[in-house]
Amino acid sequence: MLCQECRRKEANIHIVKNINGNQSELNLCEHCARKKEELDFSFEPQFSLHKLFASMLNQSLSDSREAMQADKMQCPSCNLTFSQFSQIGRLGCSSCVPAFEEKFKPLLRRIHGGSTHAGKVPVKARKRVNILRELDQLKEDLKVKIQNEEFEKAALLRDRIKAAEKEIYEKNDQNEAEKGDQQ
């Protein structure tokens, strides 16, 4: 079928308009369709993740002084600035993460509900992983108590740490015994 406009080229675009119940059809080649501006041929996605993240970053940087400081932030390795990152939506290198960490935290909390990665844990290992996480937290709390010279509370934390470590070692021994029995 030939284009209804130029009547020379093959029509490869079919336009159907329905206005107040009156339907009209038009078969055009791509060149004539562009001239008529009936269609938008840019094919640029209306929604992109980097635009979403950029808008979220801009919302979190509401204070103009804070926004100016963020614009000056720069990765020491690739020299990407924070304002460039917010425009393109991609980091330049692995060093960008620690360089922009303070600005990422509010964004991560807004998107994920937290700024630490918990990850998925297999069902069989869940209890052990939870104990290890608790153990790490207890050790951090112990350091703080010692620095603040709260030695009674530090002693209680030390006892809880020893109990948690004992539980882990007992489970390891039990798992090793079960593996030996299976072989």
N, C-alpha and C. Protein backbone atom coordinates (compact mmCIF):
# COMPACT_ATOMS: atom_id res chain seq x y z
N MET A 1 0.85 -1.17 0.00
CA MET A 1 0.00 0.00 0.00
C MET A 1 0.90 1.24 0.00
N LEU A 2 0.58 2.18 -0.81
CA LEU A 2 1.36 3.41 -0.91
C LEU A 2 0.89 4.42 0.14
N CYS A 3 1.80 5.31 0.48
CA CYS A 3 1.52 6.39 1.42
C CYS A 3 0.41 7.26 0.85
N GLN A 4 -0.56 7.61 1.67
CA GLN A 4 -1.68 8.43 1.24
C GLN A 4 -1.29 9.90 1.07
N GLU A 5 -0.12 10.28 1.54
CA GLU A 5 0.33 11.67 1.45
C GLU A 5 1.17 11.87 0.18
N CYS A 6 2.30 11.16 0.10
CA CYS A 6 3.21 11.38 -1.03
C CYS A 6 2.92 10.46 -2.21
N ARG A 7 2.23 9.38 -2.00
CA ARG A 7 1.86 8.39 -3.01
C ARG A 7 3.07 7.83 -3.77
N ARG A 8 4.25 7.84 -3.10
CA ARG A 8 5.45 7.28 -3.74
C ARG A 8 6.03 6.14 -2.92
N LYS A 9 6.14 6.34 -1.62
CA LYS A 9 6.78 5.35 -0.75
C LYS A 9 5.75 4.40 -0.18
N GLU A 10 6.28 3.26 0.30
CA GLU A 10 5.43 2.25 0.93
C GLU A 10 4.95 2.78 2.29
N ALA A 11 3.66 2.65 2.56
CA ALA A 11 3.10 3.09 3.84
C ALA A 11 3.41 2.02 4.89
N ASN A 12 4.11 2.40 5.91
CA ASN A 12 4.43 1.45 6.99
C ASN A 12 3.91 1.92 8.34
N ILE A 13 3.18 3.01 8.35
CA ILE A 13 2.58 3.52 9.58
C ILE A 13 1.08 3.67 9.35
N HIS A 14 0.33 3.05 10.24
CA HIS A 14 -1.12 3.08 10.13
C HIS A 14 -1.66 3.85 11.33
N ILE A 15 -2.32 4.97 11.09
CA ILE A 15 -2.84 5.82 12.15
C ILE A 15 -4.36 5.74 12.12
N VAL A 16 -4.93 5.43 13.26
CA VAL A 16 -6.39 5.40 13.40
C VAL A 16 -6.75 6.45 14.43
N LYS A 17 -7.61 7.40 14.06
CA LYS A 17 -8.09 8.43 14.99
C LYS A 17 -9.56 8.20 15.22
N ASN A 18 -9.96 8.32 16.46
CA ASN A 18 -11.37 8.20 16.82
C ASN A 18 -11.73 9.45 17.61
N ILE A 19 -12.43 10.36 16.97
CA ILE A 19 -12.81 11.61 17.61
C ILE A 19 -14.34 11.69 17.62
N ASN A 20 -14.89 11.68 18.82
CA ASN A 20 -16.35 11.74 19.01
C ASN A 20 -17.09 10.70 18.18
N GLY A 21 -16.54 9.50 18.14
CA GLY A 21 -17.19 8.41 17.40
C GLY A 21 -16.89 8.40 15.92
N ASN A 22 -16.28 9.43 15.37
CA ASN A 22 -15.91 9.47 13.95
C ASN A 22 -14.51 8.90 13.81
N GLN A 23 -14.40 7.78 13.13
CA GLN A 23 -13.11 7.11 12.98
C GLN A 23 -12.52 7.42 11.61
N SER A 24 -11.25 7.81 11.62
CA SER A 24 -10.54 8.05 10.36
C SER A 24 -9.24 7.27 10.38
N GLU A 25 -8.84 6.76 9.22
CA GLU A 25 -7.61 5.99 9.11
C GLU A 25 -6.67 6.68 8.12
N LEU A 26 -5.39 6.57 8.41
CA LEU A 26 -4.40 7.21 7.56
C LEU A 26 -3.20 6.28 7.46
N ASN A 27 -2.76 5.97 6.25
CA ASN A 27 -1.59 5.13 6.01
C ASN A 27 -0.48 6.02 5.45
N LEU A 28 0.62 6.10 6.19
CA LEU A 28 1.70 7.02 5.83
C LEU A 28 3.04 6.30 5.82
N CYS A 29 3.97 6.86 5.04
CA CYS A 29 5.36 6.41 5.15
C CYS A 29 5.96 7.14 6.36
N GLU A 30 7.10 6.69 6.80
CA GLU A 30 7.72 7.29 7.99
C GLU A 30 8.05 8.76 7.77
N HIS A 31 8.51 9.09 6.59
CA HIS A 31 8.88 10.47 6.27
C HIS A 31 7.67 11.42 6.38
N CYS A 32 6.54 11.02 5.80
CA CYS A 32 5.34 11.87 5.84
C CYS A 32 4.76 11.95 7.25
N ALA A 33 4.86 10.84 7.99
CA ALA A 33 4.35 10.84 9.37
C ALA A 33 5.15 11.82 10.22
N ARG A 34 6.46 11.89 9.98
CA ARG A 34 7.29 12.85 10.73
C ARG A 34 6.90 14.28 10.38
N LYS A 35 6.61 14.53 9.13
CA LYS A 35 6.21 15.87 8.70
C LYS A 35 4.89 16.27 9.34
N LYS A 36 3.96 15.34 9.42
CA LYS A 36 2.65 15.64 9.99
C LYS A 36 2.71 15.79 11.51
N GLU A 37 3.78 15.32 12.09
CA GLU A 37 3.95 15.33 13.55
C GLU A 37 2.79 14.63 14.24
N GLU A 38 2.29 13.58 13.58
CA GLU A 38 1.21 12.78 14.16
C GLU A 38 1.73 11.89 15.28
N LEU A 39 2.98 11.48 15.13
CA LEU A 39 3.58 10.57 16.11
C LEU A 39 4.86 11.15 16.67
N ASP A 40 5.20 10.73 17.86
CA ASP A 40 6.46 11.11 18.47
C ASP A 40 7.44 9.98 18.19
N PHE A 41 8.45 10.23 17.36
CA PHE A 41 9.40 9.20 16.98
C PHE A 41 10.66 9.20 17.85
N SER A 42 10.66 9.94 18.92
CA SER A 42 11.88 10.02 19.73
C SER A 42 12.14 8.71 20.47
N PHE A 43 11.12 7.98 20.83
CA PHE A 43 11.22 6.70 21.53
C PHE A 43 12.09 6.77 22.77
N GLU A 44 12.11 7.91 23.39
CA GLU A 44 12.82 8.04 24.65
C GLU A 44 11.85 7.62 25.75
N PRO A 45 12.28 6.72 26.63
CA PRO A 45 11.35 6.26 27.66
C PRO A 45 10.86 7.41 28.53
N GLN A 46 9.58 7.39 28.84
CA GLN A 46 8.99 8.44 29.67
C GLN A 46 9.45 8.29 31.12
N PHE A 47 9.75 7.06 31.51
CA PHE A 47 10.14 6.78 32.89
C PHE A 47 11.53 6.17 32.88
N SER A 48 12.44 6.72 33.62
CA SER A 48 13.76 6.11 33.76
C SER A 48 14.15 6.13 35.23
N LEU A 49 14.87 5.11 35.63
CA LEU A 49 15.26 5.00 37.03
C LEU A 49 16.19 6.13 37.46
N HIS A 50 17.10 6.51 36.57
CA HIS A 50 18.02 7.57 37.01
C HIS A 50 17.29 8.89 37.23
N LYS A 51 16.21 9.14 36.48
CA LYS A 51 15.42 10.36 36.72
C LYS A 51 14.70 10.26 38.05
N LEU A 52 14.22 9.05 38.37
CA LEU A 52 13.56 8.83 39.66
C LEU A 52 14.53 9.07 40.81
N PHE A 53 15.72 8.47 40.72
CA PHE A 53 16.71 8.64 41.78
C PHE A 53 17.16 10.08 41.89
N ALA A 54 17.32 10.74 40.74
CA ALA A 54 17.74 12.15 40.76
C ALA A 54 16.71 13.00 41.45
N SER A 55 15.43 12.74 41.19
CA SER A 55 14.40 13.54 41.86
C SER A 55 14.37 13.25 43.35
N MET A 56 14.63 11.99 43.73
CA MET A 56 14.67 11.66 45.16
C MET A 56 15.87 12.32 45.82
N LEU A 57 17.01 12.36 45.12
CA LEU A 57 18.18 13.03 45.66
C LEU A 57 17.92 14.52 45.82
N ASN A 58 17.29 15.11 44.83
CA ASN A 58 16.99 16.54 44.91
C ASN A 58 16.04 16.86 46.04
N GLN A 59 15.09 15.95 46.33
CA GLN A 59 14.17 16.17 47.45
C GLN A 59 14.91 16.10 48.77
N SER A 60 15.89 15.16 48.86
CA SER A 60 16.60 15.03 50.12
C SER A 60 17.59 16.17 50.33
N LEU A 61 17.95 16.88 49.27
CA LEU A 61 18.86 18.01 49.38
C LEU A 61 18.09 19.32 49.32
N SER A 62 17.13 19.48 50.18
CA SER A 62 16.26 20.64 50.12
C SER A 62 16.96 21.93 50.54
N ASP A 63 17.88 21.85 51.46
CA ASP A 63 18.60 23.05 51.92
C ASP A 63 19.60 23.46 50.84
N SER A 64 19.57 24.72 50.44
CA SER A 64 20.44 25.18 49.35
C SER A 64 21.92 25.08 49.71
N ARG A 65 22.26 25.32 50.96
CA ARG A 65 23.65 25.21 51.39
C ARG A 65 24.12 23.77 51.29
N GLU A 66 23.25 22.86 51.71
CA GLU A 66 23.57 21.44 51.63
C GLU A 66 23.69 20.99 50.18
N ALA A 67 22.84 21.52 49.32
CA ALA A 67 22.88 21.18 47.90
C ALA A 67 24.18 21.68 47.27
N MET A 68 24.63 22.87 47.66
CA MET A 68 25.88 23.40 47.12
C MET A 68 27.07 22.56 47.56
N GLN A 69 27.04 22.09 48.81
CA GLN A 69 28.12 21.23 49.30
C GLN A 69 28.11 19.91 48.56
N ALA A 70 26.93 19.37 48.30
CA ALA A 70 26.82 18.10 47.59
C ALA A 70 27.33 18.23 46.17
N ASP A 71 27.09 19.37 45.53
CA ASP A 71 27.59 19.59 44.17
C ASP A 71 29.12 19.57 44.13
N LYS A 72 29.75 20.00 45.19
CA LYS A 72 31.21 20.05 45.24
C LYS A 72 31.84 18.70 45.56
N MET A 73 31.05 17.76 46.10
CA MET A 73 31.58 16.44 46.43
C MET A 73 32.09 15.78 45.15
N GLN A 74 33.24 15.11 45.27
CA GLN A 74 33.84 14.51 44.08
C GLN A 74 34.54 13.22 44.46
N CYS A 75 34.44 12.21 43.60
CA CYS A 75 35.12 10.94 43.80
C CYS A 75 36.62 11.15 43.59
N PRO A 76 37.45 10.67 44.51
CA PRO A 76 38.90 10.88 44.35
C PRO A 76 39.50 10.06 43.20
N SER A 77 38.86 8.99 42.80
CA SER A 77 39.43 8.14 41.74
C SER A 77 39.04 8.60 40.34
N CYS A 78 37.73 8.72 40.09
CA CYS A 78 37.26 9.02 38.72
C CYS A 78 36.86 10.49 38.54
N ASN A 79 36.90 11.28 39.61
CA ASN A 79 36.57 12.72 39.58
C ASN A 79 35.11 13.00 39.24
N LEU A 80 34.24 12.02 39.37
CA LEU A 80 32.80 12.23 39.16
C LEU A 80 32.27 13.08 40.31
N THR A 81 31.52 14.12 40.00
CA THR A 81 30.93 14.94 41.06
C THR A 81 29.56 14.38 41.41
N PHE A 82 29.09 14.75 42.57
CA PHE A 82 27.78 14.26 43.01
C PHE A 82 26.67 14.79 42.11
N SER A 83 26.82 16.02 41.64
CA SER A 83 25.79 16.58 40.75
C SER A 83 25.79 15.83 39.42
N GLN A 84 26.96 15.41 38.93
CA GLN A 84 27.00 14.60 37.71
C GLN A 84 26.30 13.27 37.93
N PHE A 85 26.57 12.64 39.08
CA PHE A 85 25.91 11.38 39.39
C PHE A 85 24.39 11.54 39.42
N SER A 86 23.91 12.61 40.02
CA SER A 86 22.46 12.80 40.12
C SER A 86 21.84 13.05 38.75
N GLN A 87 22.62 13.54 37.79
CA GLN A 87 22.10 13.77 36.45
C GLN A 87 22.09 12.49 35.61
N ILE A 88 23.19 11.72 35.67
CA ILE A 88 23.28 10.53 34.81
C ILE A 88 22.77 9.28 35.48
N GLY A 89 22.72 9.26 36.80
CA GLY A 89 22.17 8.11 37.52
C GLY A 89 23.10 6.91 37.60
N ARG A 90 24.38 7.09 37.31
CA ARG A 90 25.35 5.99 37.36
C ARG A 90 26.61 6.47 38.06
N LEU A 91 27.21 5.56 38.80
CA LEU A 91 28.47 5.85 39.44
C LEU A 91 29.60 5.63 38.45
N GLY A 92 30.72 6.30 38.67
CA GLY A 92 31.85 6.17 37.76
C GLY A 92 32.75 5.00 38.08
N CYS A 93 32.90 4.68 39.37
CA CYS A 93 33.79 3.58 39.77
C CYS A 93 33.38 3.10 41.17
N SER A 94 34.10 2.10 41.66
CA SER A 94 33.76 1.56 42.98
C SER A 94 34.11 2.53 44.11
N SER A 95 35.00 3.48 43.86
CA SER A 95 35.36 4.45 44.90
C SER A 95 34.29 5.51 45.10
N CYS A 96 33.33 5.60 44.18
CA CYS A 96 32.24 6.58 44.31
C CYS A 96 31.35 6.27 45.52
N VAL A 97 31.18 4.99 45.82
CA VAL A 97 30.28 4.62 46.92
C VAL A 97 30.76 5.21 48.24
N PRO A 98 32.01 4.97 48.66
CA PRO A 98 32.43 5.61 49.92
C PRO A 98 32.52 7.14 49.83
N ALA A 99 32.82 7.65 48.63
CA ALA A 99 32.93 9.12 48.49
C ALA A 99 31.59 9.80 48.70
N PHE A 100 30.50 9.18 48.24
CA PHE A 100 29.17 9.78 48.33
C PHE A 100 28.29 9.11 49.38
N GLU A 101 28.89 8.33 50.26
CA GLU A 101 28.15 7.51 51.22
C GLU A 101 27.14 8.31 52.05
N GLU A 102 27.53 9.46 52.53
CA GLU A 102 26.63 10.24 53.39
C GLU A 102 25.39 10.71 52.63
N LYS A 103 25.51 10.95 51.34
CA LYS A 103 24.36 11.38 50.54
C LYS A 103 23.51 10.18 50.12
N PHE A 104 24.11 8.99 50.05
CA PHE A 104 23.37 7.79 49.66
C PHE A 104 22.47 7.28 50.78
N LYS A 105 22.89 7.47 52.02
CA LYS A 105 22.14 6.90 53.15
C LYS A 105 20.68 7.33 53.18
N PRO A 106 20.35 8.63 53.07
CA PRO A 106 18.92 9.01 53.07
C PRO A 106 18.16 8.41 51.88
N LEU A 107 18.84 8.33 50.73
CA LEU A 107 18.21 7.76 49.55
C LEU A 107 17.93 6.27 49.76
N LEU A 108 18.88 5.54 50.30
CA LEU A 108 18.68 4.12 50.56
C LEU A 108 17.58 3.88 51.58
N ARG A 109 17.56 4.72 52.62
CA ARG A 109 16.49 4.58 53.62
C ARG A 109 15.13 4.83 53.00
N ARG A 110 15.05 5.80 52.10
CA ARG A 110 13.78 6.13 51.45
C ARG A 110 13.34 5.00 50.52
N ILE A 111 14.28 4.39 49.80
CA ILE A 111 13.93 3.33 48.84
C ILE A 111 13.71 2.00 49.54
N HIS A 112 14.66 1.60 50.41
CA HIS A 112 14.64 0.26 50.99
C HIS A 112 14.14 0.19 52.43
N GLY A 113 13.97 1.31 53.06
CA GLY A 113 13.53 1.29 54.44
C GLY A 113 14.69 1.16 55.43
N GLY A 114 15.90 1.06 54.95
CA GLY A 114 17.08 0.96 55.80
C GLY A 114 18.32 1.17 54.95
N SER A 115 19.46 1.36 55.60
CA SER A 115 20.68 1.62 54.82
C SER A 115 21.69 0.49 54.96
N THR A 116 21.30 -0.61 55.59
CA THR A 116 22.19 -1.77 55.67
C THR A 116 21.58 -2.91 54.89
N HIS A 117 22.45 -3.68 54.26
CA HIS A 117 21.97 -4.81 53.47
C HIS A 117 21.89 -6.04 54.35
N ALA A 118 20.68 -6.59 54.47
CA ALA A 118 20.49 -7.79 55.27
C ALA A 118 20.68 -9.04 54.43
N GLY A 119 20.27 -8.99 53.20
CA GLY A 119 20.43 -10.12 52.30
C GLY A 119 19.49 -11.25 52.63
N LYS A 120 19.52 -12.25 51.78
CA LYS A 120 18.71 -13.44 52.00
C LYS A 120 19.56 -14.48 52.71
N VAL A 121 18.93 -15.21 53.61
CA VAL A 121 19.62 -16.23 54.37
C VAL A 121 18.89 -17.55 54.17
N PRO A 122 19.62 -18.62 53.84
CA PRO A 122 18.96 -19.92 53.72
C PRO A 122 18.29 -20.31 55.03
N VAL A 123 17.19 -21.02 54.92
CA VAL A 123 16.40 -21.38 56.10
C VAL A 123 17.24 -22.16 57.10
N LYS A 124 18.06 -23.08 56.62
CA LYS A 124 18.87 -23.91 57.53
C LYS A 124 19.90 -23.09 58.30
N ALA A 125 20.39 -22.01 57.70
CA ALA A 125 21.45 -21.22 58.32
C ALA A 125 20.94 -19.98 59.03
N ARG A 126 19.62 -19.75 58.98
CA ARG A 126 19.07 -18.51 59.51
C ARG A 126 19.39 -18.28 60.98
N LYS A 127 19.22 -19.32 61.80
CA LYS A 127 19.46 -19.16 63.23
C LYS A 127 20.92 -18.83 63.51
N ARG A 128 21.84 -19.53 62.81
CA ARG A 128 23.27 -19.29 63.00
C ARG A 128 23.64 -17.87 62.56
N VAL A 129 23.11 -17.43 61.43
CA VAL A 129 23.41 -16.08 60.93
C VAL A 129 22.88 -15.03 61.90
N ASN A 130 21.68 -15.24 62.43
CA ASN A 130 21.13 -14.29 63.40
C ASN A 130 21.99 -14.21 64.65
N ILE A 131 22.50 -15.36 65.10
CA ILE A 131 23.38 -15.37 66.28
C ILE A 131 24.67 -14.62 65.97
N LEU A 132 25.23 -14.83 64.76
CA LEU A 132 26.46 -14.12 64.39
C LEU A 132 26.24 -12.62 64.30
N ARG A 133 25.10 -12.22 63.77
CA ARG A 133 24.80 -10.79 63.71
C ARG A 133 24.65 -10.21 65.11
N GLU A 134 23.96 -10.94 65.97
CA GLU A 134 23.79 -10.49 67.35
C GLU A 134 25.14 -10.40 68.03
N LEU A 135 26.01 -11.36 67.75
CA LEU A 135 27.35 -11.37 68.33
C LEU A 135 28.14 -10.14 67.90
N ASP A 136 28.07 -9.80 66.62
CA ASP A 136 28.75 -8.60 66.13
C ASP A 136 28.22 -7.34 66.81
N GLN A 137 26.91 -7.27 66.98
CA GLN A 137 26.31 -6.11 67.63
C GLN A 137 26.73 -6.03 69.10
N LEU A 138 26.77 -7.18 69.77
CA LEU A 138 27.20 -7.19 71.17
C LEU A 138 28.64 -6.72 71.31
N LYS A 139 29.50 -7.13 70.38
CA LYS A 139 30.90 -6.72 70.43
C LYS A 139 31.03 -5.21 70.23
N GLU A 140 30.23 -4.65 69.32
CA GLU A 140 30.24 -3.19 69.12
C GLU A 140 29.75 -2.48 70.38
N ASP A 141 28.68 -3.00 70.97
CA ASP A 141 28.16 -2.41 72.22
C ASP A 141 29.19 -2.48 73.34
N LEU A 142 29.92 -3.60 73.39
CA LEU A 142 30.96 -3.78 74.41
C LEU A 142 32.04 -2.71 74.27
N LYS A 143 32.48 -2.44 73.04
CA LYS A 143 33.49 -1.40 72.82
C LYS A 143 33.01 -0.05 73.33
N VAL A 144 31.74 0.26 73.04
CA VAL A 144 31.17 1.55 73.47
C VAL A 144 31.13 1.63 74.99
N LYS A 145 30.69 0.55 75.62
CA LYS A 145 30.59 0.56 77.10
C LYS A 145 31.97 0.73 77.73
N ILE A 146 32.98 0.08 77.15
CA ILE A 146 34.33 0.20 77.70
C ILE A 146 34.85 1.63 77.51
N GLN A 147 34.59 2.22 76.34
CA GLN A 147 35.02 3.60 76.10
C GLN A 147 34.34 4.58 77.06
N ASN A 148 33.08 4.28 77.39
CA ASN A 148 32.34 5.15 78.31
C ASN A 148 32.57 4.78 79.77
N GLU A 149 33.46 3.83 79.98
CA GLU A 149 33.82 3.37 81.32
C GLU A 149 32.62 2.86 82.11
N GLU A 150 31.71 2.18 81.43
CA GLU A 150 30.56 1.54 82.06
C GLU A 150 30.91 0.05 82.21
N PHE A 151 31.77 -0.25 83.19
CA PHE A 151 32.36 -1.57 83.29
C PHE A 151 31.39 -2.66 83.75
N GLU A 152 30.38 -2.31 84.56
CA GLU A 152 29.40 -3.31 84.98
C GLU A 152 28.58 -3.78 83.78
N LYS A 153 28.13 -2.84 82.97
CA LYS A 153 27.37 -3.19 81.77
C LYS A 153 28.26 -3.93 80.77
N ALA A 154 29.53 -3.53 80.71
CA ALA A 154 30.47 -4.20 79.81
C ALA A 154 30.67 -5.65 80.23
N ALA A 155 30.70 -5.91 81.53
CA ALA A 155 30.86 -7.29 82.01
C ALA A 155 29.65 -8.14 81.62
N LEU A 156 28.46 -7.56 81.71
CA LEU A 156 27.26 -8.30 81.31
C LEU A 156 27.30 -8.63 79.81
N LEU A 157 27.73 -7.65 79.02
CA LEU A 157 27.85 -7.88 77.57
C LEU A 157 28.89 -8.95 77.27
N ARG A 158 30.01 -8.92 78.02
CA ARG A 158 31.05 -9.93 77.83
C ARG A 158 30.50 -11.32 78.08
N ASP A 159 29.68 -11.47 79.13
CA ASP A 159 29.09 -12.77 79.43
C ASP A 159 28.13 -13.22 78.33
N ARG A 160 27.36 -12.30 77.80
CA ARG A 160 26.43 -12.64 76.70
C ARG A 160 27.21 -13.04 75.45
N ILE A 161 28.33 -12.37 75.21
CA ILE A 161 29.17 -12.71 74.05
C ILE A 161 29.72 -14.13 74.21
N LYS A 162 30.20 -14.44 75.39
CA LYS A 162 30.74 -15.79 75.63
C LYS A 162 29.67 -16.85 75.44
N ALA A 163 28.44 -16.57 75.89
CA ALA A 163 27.34 -17.53 75.75
C ALA A 163 26.98 -17.72 74.28
N ALA A 164 26.96 -16.63 73.53
CA ALA A 164 26.64 -16.73 72.10
C ALA A 164 27.73 -17.49 71.34
N GLU A 165 29.01 -17.23 71.68
CA GLU A 165 30.10 -17.95 71.03
C GLU A 165 30.06 -19.43 71.37
N LYS A 166 29.72 -19.75 72.60
CA LYS A 166 29.62 -21.15 73.01
C LYS A 166 28.51 -21.85 72.22
N GLU A 167 27.39 -21.16 72.03
CA GLU A 167 26.27 -21.72 71.26
C GLU A 167 26.69 -21.99 69.81
N ILE A 168 27.46 -21.08 69.25
CA ILE A 168 27.93 -21.26 67.86
C ILE A 168 28.86 -22.46 67.77
N TYR A 169 29.80 -22.56 68.70
CA TYR A 169 30.76 -23.67 68.66
C TYR A 169 30.06 -25.01 68.87
N GLU A 170 29.08 -25.05 69.77
CA GLU A 170 28.34 -26.30 69.99
C GLU A 170 27.59 -26.71 68.73
N LYS A 171 26.99 -25.76 68.04
CA LYS A 171 26.27 -26.06 66.79
C LYS A 171 27.23 -26.54 65.71
N ASN A 172 28.43 -25.93 65.64
CA ASN A 172 29.43 -26.39 64.68
C ASN A 172 29.84 -27.82 64.95
N ASP A 173 30.09 -28.14 66.24
CA ASP A 173 30.47 -29.50 66.60
C ASP A 173 29.36 -30.48 66.26
N GLN A 174 28.11 -30.07 66.51
CA GLN A 174 26.95 -30.92 66.23
C GLN A 174 26.83 -31.15 64.71
N ASN A 175 27.02 -30.10 63.92
CA ASN A 175 26.96 -30.23 62.47
C ASN A 175 28.07 -31.13 61.94
N GLU A 176 29.28 -30.99 62.48
CA GLU A 176 30.39 -31.84 62.06
C GLU A 176 30.10 -33.31 62.39
N ALA A 177 29.50 -33.56 63.56
CA ALA A 177 29.17 -34.94 63.95
C ALA A 177 28.12 -35.52 62.99
N GLU A 178 27.12 -34.70 62.62
CA GLU A 178 26.10 -35.16 61.69
C GLU A 178 26.69 -35.46 60.31
N LYS A 179 27.62 -34.65 59.86
CA LYS A 179 28.27 -34.91 58.56
C LYS A 179 29.08 -36.20 58.61
N GLY A 180 29.74 -36.44 59.74
CA GLY A 180 30.52 -37.67 59.89
C GLY A 180 29.63 -38.90 59.87
N ASP A 181 28.45 -38.80 60.49
CA ASP A 181 27.51 -39.94 60.51
C ASP A 181 26.96 -40.23 59.13
N GLN A 182 26.78 -39.21 58.31
CA GLN A 182 26.23 -39.40 56.97
C GLN A 182 27.21 -40.08 56.05
N GLN A 183 28.50 -39.89 56.30
CA GLN A 183 29.52 -40.49 55.42
C GLN A 183 29.76 -41.87 55.86
